Amino acid sequence: MATLAINGGPKLREQGWPQWPPDDPGFLENLKAVLDSGVWGTGGEWTQRATQMMCEFHGAQYGVALSSGTTALDVALRSVGVKPGSEVIVPPYTFIATASSVISVGAIPIFVDIDPDTFNLDPTKIEDAITEHTSAIIAVHIGGSPAAMDEIMAIARAHGLKVVEDCAQAHGAIYKGRRIGAIGDAGAFSFQSSKNVTSGEGGMVLTNDADVFSRSWSIHNCGRVPEGEWYDHRVMGWNHRLTQFQGALICRCMELLPEQFERRARNGDHLRERLQEIEGIELQKLTDPSNVSAFHLYIFKYDAAAFDGLSRDRFLQALAAEGIGAARGYNPLYREGVFADNVHMDEFPFAPRYYAGDVDYAQVSCPACEHICDAGGFWMPQRYGLADEQAMDDIVDAMIKIRDNLGELKEA
């Protein structure tokens, strides 16, 4: 048995990982084309081209390019009709923007637990959280793996609710043969630096609903309407527009996406197969066997009992020493200070205080989410998915090496 790297032994993986964003000359070519055009903001072709490429790839009729993924969620919620004082069901295992966007439109986040195997919103727990004030559900495709959209849509339609897909991590993901993003009433995408399609910052709303598109377009463009004049402001809107430089970067990313998507999926399948050799570590399960994850993250479920009680955090330290970096991931959102402690509420009072009396998020408990966050889950970054099959073997072999040398960690 080899000595663990954390104890001075040889590192299992010496080779580095693919860089992100990728080193591709197409980015510079597109940026130069924008620079030479002299049209850097509104009126340029590149944001229109990026929007068209996103729509075509995801099977959506309409799209609106925006300044960030957070803005995309905000605009999507406003566009589907979420009003101040209403309630929006969200999972607690996601980035803060999923919930803060609800607050930004004056609504109230209602946290519903995740499925412990898929890490996505658990549809069996949604109906118990619906009240007369509920207006929408945000379905997060966490890590790029599609949420259970059939079940979520059925519940939503039965109760007259809207569904916004949080697609920030899921560019191109496939749910039962359909690309995500236009299955619900609106889909919100992010182009932030770490995303599978990136322009540094940026976002987009996709939809098949003409009214949702029209409202999104107006909100993002200072309240103008598509059929109106330049100084004709009929809707309360803001300037959330994307620059042509960002559009140019998105266009190149969209050209690269099909091959990268296939590579991520192929590596993910190999990783899932190899993990069958290790009791106590599983890759995030799909909500349907036919789904294809975008694999923005490799999300793992960890069972300390299978590793003789070795804590998740100590396991990750040993794994990092072998050249395989991983992170604990999110905290349950309702534990974040803005919810748990009501910090800065005097400077930025949010909806529950005014519309719903006292909403005590300290009393919220989502056991599956808490277990994953506290001890039972971890993830690896998206650039790992762009490596080769040997890299996937290295991930599993490093885990096996740790399992076979648990005594060293206990002694340390």
Protein backbone atom coordinates (compact mmCIF):
# COMPACT_ATOMS: atom_id res chain seq x y z
CA MET A 1 0.00 0.00 0.00
CA ALA A 2 1.31 3.45 -0.98
CA THR A 3 1.71 6.10 1.68
CA LEU A 4 -0.90 8.82 1.36
CA ALA A 5 0.33 12.12 -0.08
CA ILE A 6 -1.07 13.96 2.92
CA ASN A 7 1.46 12.03 5.00
CA GLY A 8 4.39 12.58 2.65
CA GLY A 9 3.80 9.88 0.08
CA PRO A 10 3.77 10.37 -3.70
CA LYS A 11 0.88 12.32 -5.14
CA LEU A 12 -1.37 10.14 -7.28
CA ARG A 13 -2.08 12.81 -9.90
CA GLU A 14 0.76 15.12 -10.88
CA GLN A 15 -0.84 16.37 -14.08
CA GLY A 16 -2.84 19.60 -13.96
CA TRP A 17 -6.41 20.18 -15.08
CA PRO A 18 -7.82 21.94 -18.16
CA GLN A 19 -7.97 25.72 -17.84
CA TRP A 20 -11.20 27.68 -17.91
CA PRO A 21 -12.07 29.68 -19.91
CA PRO A 22 -10.34 27.66 -22.62
CA ASP A 23 -7.43 29.07 -24.58
CA ASP A 24 -9.14 29.48 -27.94
CA PRO A 25 -8.25 32.06 -30.64
CA GLY A 26 -11.90 32.43 -31.58
CA PHE A 27 -12.56 34.60 -28.54
CA LEU A 28 -10.00 37.19 -29.61
CA GLU A 29 -11.26 37.13 -33.21
CA ASN A 30 -14.82 37.86 -32.09
CA LEU A 31 -13.75 40.59 -29.67
CA LYS A 32 -11.71 42.29 -32.40
CA ALA A 33 -14.74 42.18 -34.69
CA VAL A 34 -16.78 44.04 -32.06
CA LEU A 35 -13.99 46.56 -31.50
CA ASP A 36 -13.67 47.22 -35.22
CA SER A 37 -17.43 47.57 -35.66
CA GLY A 38 -17.63 50.62 -33.42
CA VAL A 39 -20.91 49.31 -31.97
CA TRP A 40 -20.16 48.14 -28.46
CA GLY A 41 -23.54 48.50 -26.77
CA THR A 42 -27.13 48.58 -28.00
CA GLY A 43 -27.79 48.11 -31.69
CA GLY A 44 -25.01 45.61 -32.32
CA GLU A 45 -25.36 42.20 -33.88
CA TRP A 46 -23.47 40.09 -31.33
CA THR A 47 -26.02 40.02 -28.52
CA GLN A 48 -28.70 39.17 -31.08
CA ARG A 49 -26.55 36.40 -32.50
CA ALA A 50 -25.79 35.00 -29.03
CA THR A 51 -29.49 35.06 -28.15
CA GLN A 52 -30.40 33.25 -31.35
CA MET A 53 -27.76 30.58 -30.74
CA MET A 54 -28.98 30.00 -27.19
CA CYS A 55 -32.60 29.80 -28.34
CA GLU A 56 -31.86 27.35 -31.14
CA PHE A 57 -29.72 25.12 -28.96
CA HIS A 58 -32.27 24.97 -26.13
CA GLY A 59 -35.46 24.78 -28.17
CA ALA A 60 -36.81 28.18 -27.12
CA GLN A 61 -38.68 30.66 -29.31
CA TYR A 62 -37.56 33.79 -27.47
CA GLY A 63 -34.58 35.05 -25.51
CA VAL A 64 -33.42 38.23 -23.79
CA ALA A 65 -29.71 38.80 -23.11
CA LEU A 66 -29.01 40.30 -19.68
CA SER A 67 -26.21 41.60 -17.49
CA SER A 68 -26.01 38.61 -15.09
CA GLY A 69 -27.59 35.32 -14.10
CA THR A 70 -28.93 36.94 -10.94
CA THR A 71 -30.61 39.59 -13.07
CA ALA A 72 -32.02 36.85 -15.30
CA LEU A 73 -33.74 35.26 -12.30
CA ASP A 74 -35.09 38.63 -11.17
CA VAL A 75 -36.42 39.47 -14.63
CA ALA A 76 -37.87 35.98 -15.11
CA LEU A 77 -39.78 36.19 -11.83
CA ARG A 78 -41.16 39.63 -12.66
CA SER A 79 -42.05 38.51 -16.17
CA VAL A 80 -44.07 35.46 -15.09
CA GLY A 81 -46.05 37.68 -12.72
CA VAL A 82 -44.57 37.15 -9.25
CA LYS A 83 -45.86 40.00 -7.07
CA PRO A 84 -44.66 41.57 -3.80
CA GLY A 85 -45.87 39.61 -0.80
CA SER A 86 -46.36 36.35 -2.68
CA GLU A 87 -44.42 33.18 -1.89
CA VAL A 88 -41.96 31.37 -4.16
CA ILE A 89 -40.84 27.81 -3.48
CA VAL A 90 -37.08 27.34 -3.79
CA PRO A 91 -34.64 24.57 -2.86
CA PRO A 92 -32.11 25.42 -0.11
CA TYR A 93 -29.21 23.67 -1.91
CA THR A 94 -28.28 26.30 -4.49
CA PHE A 95 -26.47 29.61 -4.91
CA ILE A 96 -27.78 32.60 -2.95
CA ALA A 97 -29.14 34.29 -6.11
CA THR A 98 -31.94 31.74 -6.36
CA ALA A 99 -33.40 33.08 -3.12
CA SER A 100 -32.16 36.69 -3.24
CA SER A 101 -33.86 37.17 -6.61
CA VAL A 102 -37.15 36.28 -4.92
CA ILE A 103 -36.49 38.93 -2.28
CA SER A 104 -35.53 41.49 -4.92
CA VAL A 105 -39.00 41.30 -6.46
CA GLY A 106 -40.59 41.69 -3.01
CA ALA A 107 -41.61 38.06 -2.65
CA ILE A 108 -40.88 35.52 0.08
CA PRO A 109 -38.60 32.48 -0.39
CA ILE A 110 -40.14 29.28 0.97
CA PHE A 111 -37.49 26.58 1.30
CA VAL A 112 -38.44 23.02 0.35
CA ASP A 113 -36.00 20.15 0.86
CA ILE A 114 -34.02 18.36 -1.82
CA ASP A 115 -34.00 14.73 -2.83
CA PRO A 116 -30.97 13.18 -1.05
CA ASP A 117 -29.86 11.31 -4.17
CA THR A 118 -30.48 13.80 -6.99
CA PHE A 119 -29.69 16.94 -4.91
CA ASN A 120 -32.59 18.62 -6.76
CA LEU A 121 -35.87 19.94 -5.39
CA ASP A 122 -37.90 17.00 -4.01
CA PRO A 123 -41.27 17.11 -5.81
CA THR A 124 -42.90 14.94 -3.13
CA LYS A 125 -42.45 17.78 -0.63
CA ILE A 126 -43.69 20.69 -2.73
CA GLU A 127 -47.44 20.48 -2.19
CA ASP A 128 -47.13 20.63 1.60
CA ALA A 129 -45.45 24.03 1.18
CA ILE A 130 -48.08 25.53 -1.11
CA THR A 131 -50.38 28.15 0.42
CA GLU A 132 -52.89 30.64 -0.93
CA HIS A 133 -49.96 33.07 -1.29
CA THR A 134 -47.74 30.80 -3.42
CA SER A 135 -47.19 32.16 -6.93
CA ALA A 136 -44.22 30.26 -8.37
CA ILE A 137 -41.67 27.47 -8.07
CA ILE A 138 -38.00 27.83 -8.98
CA ALA A 139 -36.68 24.53 -10.28
CA VAL A 140 -32.88 24.55 -10.01
CA HIS A 141 -31.00 22.15 -12.27
CA ILE A 142 -28.24 21.75 -9.71
CA GLY A 143 -24.78 20.92 -10.98
CA GLY A 144 -26.26 20.74 -14.48
CA SER A 145 -28.50 17.75 -13.71
CA PRO A 146 -32.16 18.43 -14.65
CA ALA A 147 -34.76 18.67 -11.90
CA ALA A 148 -37.86 16.45 -12.03
CA MET A 149 -39.67 18.78 -14.42
CA ASP A 150 -42.68 16.56 -15.23
CA GLU A 151 -43.63 16.28 -11.58
CA ILE A 152 -42.90 19.95 -10.86
CA MET A 153 -44.89 21.15 -13.87
CA ALA A 154 -47.84 18.93 -12.98
CA ILE A 155 -47.95 20.32 -9.45
CA ALA A 156 -47.60 23.87 -10.71
CA ARG A 157 -50.40 23.56 -13.25
CA ALA A 158 -52.69 21.90 -10.72
CA HIS A 159 -52.27 24.88 -8.39
CA GLY A 160 -52.06 27.67 -10.95
CA LEU A 161 -48.38 28.39 -10.29
CA LYS A 162 -45.60 29.55 -12.59
CA VAL A 163 -42.31 27.68 -12.97
CA VAL A 164 -38.96 29.39 -13.45
CA GLU A 165 -36.03 27.14 -14.31
CA ASP A 166 -32.71 28.14 -12.75
CA CYS A 167 -30.39 26.98 -15.53
CA ALA A 168 -27.25 28.75 -14.33
CA GLN A 169 -25.31 25.48 -14.17
CA ALA A 170 -27.11 23.56 -16.89
CA HIS A 171 -26.34 24.88 -20.38
CA GLY A 172 -27.52 22.20 -22.81
CA ALA A 173 -28.70 19.68 -20.20
CA ILE A 174 -31.30 17.24 -21.50
CA TYR A 175 -34.47 16.22 -19.64
CA LYS A 176 -36.29 13.27 -21.22
CA GLY A 177 -35.13 14.24 -24.70
CA ARG A 178 -35.67 18.01 -24.31
CA ARG A 179 -33.11 20.68 -23.56
CA ILE A 180 -33.83 22.50 -20.32
CA GLY A 181 -34.66 26.22 -20.23
CA ALA A 182 -38.00 26.38 -22.01
CA ILE A 183 -39.81 23.52 -20.28
CA GLY A 184 -41.14 25.84 -17.58
CA ASP A 185 -42.61 29.31 -18.11
CA ALA A 186 -39.13 30.86 -18.24
CA GLY A 187 -35.53 29.74 -17.88
CA ALA A 188 -32.74 31.86 -16.39
CA PHE A 189 -29.14 31.26 -17.49
CA SER A 190 -25.83 32.61 -16.23
CA PHE A 191 -22.65 33.40 -18.17
CA GLN A 192 -20.54 34.11 -15.09
CA SER A 193 -16.85 33.20 -15.24
CA SER A 194 -17.18 29.64 -13.97
CA LYS A 195 -20.18 28.64 -16.11
CA ASN A 196 -20.05 26.18 -19.02
CA VAL A 197 -20.85 29.10 -21.34
CA THR A 198 -19.19 32.28 -20.13
CA SER A 199 -18.68 35.93 -20.98
CA GLY A 200 -17.19 36.79 -17.58
CA GLU A 201 -20.59 38.03 -16.45
CA GLY A 202 -23.97 37.94 -18.14
CA GLY A 203 -27.29 36.14 -18.22
CA MET A 204 -30.28 35.29 -20.37
CA VAL A 205 -33.98 34.53 -20.07
CA LEU A 206 -35.41 31.94 -22.47
CA THR A 207 -39.10 31.25 -22.93
CA ASN A 208 -41.72 29.94 -25.35
CA ASP A 209 -44.28 32.42 -24.03
CA ALA A 210 -44.62 35.59 -26.12
CA ASP A 211 -46.01 37.59 -23.19
CA VAL A 212 -43.16 36.56 -20.88
CA PHE A 213 -40.69 37.53 -23.59
CA SER A 214 -42.32 40.92 -24.12
CA ARG A 215 -42.24 41.72 -20.40
CA SER A 216 -38.65 40.50 -20.06
CA TRP A 217 -37.56 42.61 -23.01
CA SER A 218 -39.25 45.69 -21.58
CA ILE A 219 -37.87 45.23 -18.07
CA HIS A 220 -34.31 44.80 -19.32
CA ASN A 221 -34.50 47.76 -21.72
CA CYS A 222 -35.58 50.70 -19.55
CA GLY A 223 -39.28 49.94 -19.84
CA ARG A 224 -39.46 50.28 -23.61
CA VAL A 225 -41.76 47.93 -25.53
CA PRO A 226 -40.77 46.06 -28.71
CA GLU A 227 -43.36 47.92 -30.82
CA GLY A 228 -42.70 51.35 -29.27
CA GLU A 229 -40.45 54.33 -29.92
CA TRP A 230 -37.04 54.87 -28.29
CA TYR A 231 -38.42 57.38 -25.78
CA ASP A 232 -41.60 55.43 -25.10
CA HIS A 233 -41.43 53.86 -21.63
CA ARG A 234 -44.58 51.95 -20.70
CA VAL A 235 -43.21 49.44 -18.18
CA MET A 236 -41.15 49.95 -15.02
CA GLY A 237 -37.81 48.75 -16.30
CA TRP A 238 -34.07 49.05 -15.81
CA ASN A 239 -30.95 48.88 -17.92
CA HIS A 240 -29.98 45.22 -17.72
CA ARG A 241 -28.59 44.97 -21.25
CA LEU A 242 -25.59 42.87 -22.29
CA THR A 243 -22.67 44.43 -24.18
CA GLN A 244 -21.61 43.33 -27.66
CA PHE A 245 -18.25 42.19 -26.25
CA GLN A 246 -20.03 39.77 -23.94
CA GLY A 247 -22.27 38.64 -26.77
CA ALA A 248 -19.19 37.89 -28.88
CA LEU A 249 -17.71 35.72 -26.13
CA ILE A 250 -20.99 33.83 -25.74
CA CYS A 251 -21.13 33.19 -29.48
CA ARG A 252 -17.74 31.50 -29.43
CA CYS A 253 -18.64 29.51 -26.32
CA MET A 254 -21.80 28.30 -28.05
CA GLU A 255 -19.74 27.11 -31.00
CA LEU A 256 -17.52 25.15 -28.60
CA LEU A 257 -20.37 23.87 -26.41
CA PRO A 258 -21.54 20.78 -28.37
CA GLU A 259 -18.12 19.09 -28.27
CA GLN A 260 -17.51 20.14 -24.67
CA PHE A 261 -20.98 18.93 -23.65
CA GLU A 262 -20.32 15.50 -25.18
CA ARG A 263 -16.93 15.28 -23.50
CA ARG A 264 -18.38 16.16 -20.09
CA ALA A 265 -21.15 13.60 -20.53
CA ARG A 266 -18.73 10.91 -21.67
CA ASN A 267 -16.40 11.56 -18.74
CA GLY A 268 -19.34 11.67 -16.35
CA ASP A 269 -20.58 8.29 -17.53
CA HIS A 270 -17.13 6.78 -17.10
CA LEU A 271 -16.78 8.29 -13.64
CA ARG A 272 -20.18 6.96 -12.61
CA GLU A 273 -19.24 3.48 -13.79
CA ARG A 274 -15.88 3.47 -12.02
CA LEU A 275 -17.44 4.67 -8.76
CA GLN A 276 -19.25 1.35 -8.50
CA GLU A 277 -15.92 0.04 -7.19
CA ILE A 278 -16.17 2.23 -4.09
CA GLU A 279 -18.74 1.71 -1.40
CA GLY A 280 -19.76 4.97 0.24
CA ILE A 281 -19.27 7.40 -2.69
CA GLU A 282 -21.90 7.96 -5.37
CA LEU A 283 -22.22 10.48 -8.16
CA GLN A 284 -25.37 12.63 -8.16
CA LYS A 285 -28.25 10.54 -9.51
CA LEU A 286 -30.37 11.62 -12.45
CA THR A 287 -34.06 12.37 -11.98
CA ASP A 288 -34.68 10.16 -15.05
CA PRO A 289 -32.38 7.55 -16.60
CA SER A 290 -32.65 9.20 -20.03
CA ASN A 291 -31.43 12.59 -18.77
CA VAL A 292 -28.04 13.97 -19.76
CA SER A 293 -26.39 16.26 -17.22
CA ALA A 294 -24.42 19.29 -18.31
CA PHE A 295 -21.94 18.29 -15.59
CA HIS A 296 -21.15 21.82 -14.54
CA LEU A 297 -20.16 20.12 -11.30
CA TYR A 298 -19.36 16.58 -10.31
CA ILE A 299 -21.49 16.33 -7.17
CA PHE A 300 -20.85 13.35 -4.89
CA LYS A 301 -22.68 11.77 -2.00
CA TYR A 302 -20.33 10.66 0.80
CA ASP A 303 -21.02 8.05 3.49
CA ALA A 304 -18.48 8.31 6.31
CA ALA A 305 -19.53 4.93 7.70
CA ALA A 306 -18.14 3.21 4.59
CA PHE A 307 -14.80 4.90 5.32
CA ASP A 308 -14.65 3.71 8.92
CA GLY A 309 -16.04 6.98 10.22
CA LEU A 310 -13.60 9.26 8.36
CA SER A 311 -15.19 12.69 8.19
CA ARG A 312 -16.04 14.24 4.84
CA ASP A 313 -13.72 17.17 5.51
CA ARG A 314 -10.75 14.97 6.39
CA PHE A 315 -11.44 12.88 3.29
CA LEU A 316 -11.33 16.03 1.14
CA GLN A 317 -8.02 17.07 2.68
CA ALA A 318 -6.52 13.72 1.77
CA LEU A 319 -8.02 13.86 -1.71
CA ALA A 320 -6.59 17.34 -2.36
CA ALA A 321 -3.14 16.14 -1.35
CA GLU A 322 -3.41 13.48 -4.08
CA GLY A 323 -3.96 16.22 -6.69
CA ILE A 324 -7.77 15.99 -6.79
CA GLY A 325 -9.30 19.20 -5.46
CA ALA A 326 -12.87 19.20 -4.19
CA ALA A 327 -15.11 21.49 -2.15
CA ARG A 328 -17.70 21.01 0.57
CA GLY A 329 -20.16 23.08 -1.45
CA TYR A 330 -23.11 25.12 -0.28
CA ASN A 331 -24.57 25.80 3.12
CA PRO A 332 -28.36 25.51 3.45
CA LEU A 333 -29.51 28.90 2.25
CA TYR A 334 -31.77 29.51 5.24
CA ARG A 335 -28.64 29.43 7.44
CA GLU A 336 -27.06 32.34 5.57
CA GLY A 337 -26.87 35.47 7.66
CA VAL A 338 -29.32 37.46 5.56
CA PHE A 339 -32.00 34.92 6.48
CA ALA A 340 -30.89 33.58 9.84
CA ASP A 341 -29.86 36.85 11.49
CA ASN A 342 -31.77 39.46 9.50
CA VAL A 343 -28.52 41.38 9.12
CA HIS A 344 -28.69 44.85 7.56
CA MET A 345 -32.46 44.77 7.67
CA ASP A 346 -32.59 48.41 8.73
CA GLU A 347 -30.64 49.35 5.59
CA PHE A 348 -32.28 46.79 3.30
CA PRO A 349 -35.59 45.54 4.68
CA PHE A 350 -36.82 42.56 2.72
CA ALA A 351 -40.34 41.40 2.00
CA PRO A 352 -41.21 39.05 4.88
CA ARG A 353 -41.00 41.81 7.50
CA TYR A 354 -43.59 43.91 5.65
CA TYR A 355 -45.81 41.40 3.93
CA ALA A 356 -45.80 38.30 6.07
CA GLY A 357 -45.04 39.41 9.61
CA ASP A 358 -42.21 37.54 11.25
CA VAL A 359 -40.70 34.84 9.06
CA ASP A 360 -38.26 32.96 11.24
CA TYR A 361 -35.87 31.12 8.95
CA ALA A 362 -33.98 29.91 12.01
CA GLN A 363 -36.88 27.49 12.51
CA VAL A 364 -36.60 26.06 8.98
CA SER A 365 -35.17 22.55 8.72
CA CYS A 366 -34.53 20.61 5.52
CA PRO A 367 -32.87 17.38 6.76
CA ALA A 368 -31.66 16.06 3.40
CA CYS A 369 -30.04 19.37 2.51
CA GLU A 370 -28.46 19.72 5.95
CA HIS A 371 -26.92 16.25 5.80
CA ILE A 372 -25.43 16.89 2.36
CA CYS A 373 -24.04 20.27 3.41
CA ASP A 374 -22.78 19.28 6.85
CA ALA A 375 -21.23 15.90 6.17
CA GLY A 376 -22.63 13.95 3.25
CA GLY A 377 -21.71 15.72 0.03
CA PHE A 378 -18.95 17.41 -1.95
CA TRP A 379 -18.21 18.50 -5.49
CA MET A 380 -15.49 19.02 -8.07
CA PRO A 381 -15.30 22.01 -10.44
CA GLN A 382 -16.56 22.08 -14.00
CA ARG A 383 -13.16 22.17 -15.70
CA TYR A 384 -12.50 18.62 -14.45
CA GLY A 385 -15.16 17.45 -16.89
CA LEU A 386 -13.08 18.72 -19.80
CA ALA A 387 -10.17 16.39 -18.98
CA ASP A 388 -9.77 12.87 -20.39
CA GLU A 389 -10.77 9.38 -19.29
CA GLN A 390 -7.46 8.92 -17.46
CA ALA A 391 -8.33 11.91 -15.29
CA MET A 392 -11.60 10.22 -14.32
CA ASP A 393 -9.62 7.11 -13.41
CA ASP A 394 -7.28 9.25 -11.33
CA ILE A 395 -10.23 10.62 -9.36
CA VAL A 396 -11.48 7.15 -8.50
CA ASP A 397 -8.02 5.69 -7.92
CA ALA A 398 -7.24 8.49 -5.46
CA MET A 399 -10.42 7.66 -3.56
CA ILE A 400 -9.50 3.99 -3.52
CA LYS A 401 -6.02 4.87 -2.28
CA ILE A 402 -7.56 6.78 0.64
CA ARG A 403 -9.95 3.94 1.42
CA ASP A 404 -7.12 1.41 1.43
CA ASN A 405 -4.99 3.53 3.76
CA LEU A 406 -7.51 4.72 6.33
CA GLY A 407 -5.21 3.68 9.14
CA GLU A 408 -2.76 6.41 8.22
CA LEU A 409 -5.43 9.09 8.57
CA LYS A 410 -6.69 7.73 11.86
CA GLU A 411 -3.18 7.60 13.28
CA ALA A 412 -2.52 11.17 12.12
